[in-house]
Amino acid sequence: AGSQTALISGLGEGRHRMLRVRIVVVGRTRLEFLRQGEALYLKRLEHYARTEWIEVRGTRLTRRLPPAQALQKEADEILKALGPRSFTLALDPAGRLTTSEGWARCLARLSQTHSHLTFIIGGPLGLDPNVTARADGRLSLSPLTLTHEMSRLVLLEQLYRAFTILNNENYHK
């Protein structure tokens, strides 16, 4: 764990590059308290990683546009927003569950081999199979059902928590 902590602590300093984190979400966050939480954690993450928040257009369902077609339209937008050199994790209820400490260890391992990480959060319909197939991995935040907007805040908080765990900071205790 010591070498992982040193690596994460050194990101952005001296010879180490700061980790770049891209979060691609479908649609805008509508609830003000969630937008405030997102802003808070995006600000806190600046200390540990260069974080980019990308909102792609969501697709409104209509009688003429079935869910599968709506998901495909969103998938096209998501796939355009992905970085070519980035390790990509799709948030998916069927993805890997882990503890906060396990997630911190995973983040440390990923940062040793990848300078860019991308997270994808779908809209109300979830993610098109083409998006999850393109991802390098799938992560589940909880066995509970979360709204896609709440998932954004939970992801940001867990990223921040992972960095504080790796730096032996008091936040996570």
Foldseek 3Di string as FASTA:
>chain_A
DVVLLVLQQCDPHDPHDAAEEEEEEEDDQDDPVLVVLLVVLQVLCVNRHHYHYHYFYQDDDDPVQDPLNRQVVVQVRVVVPDDPQEQEEEEDLPFDEDDLQVVLVVVSVCVVPGRYYYYYQYAQSTHHPVNNVPHPGYYYLDNDDDHSSVVSSSVSVSVSLSSCVSNVHDPND
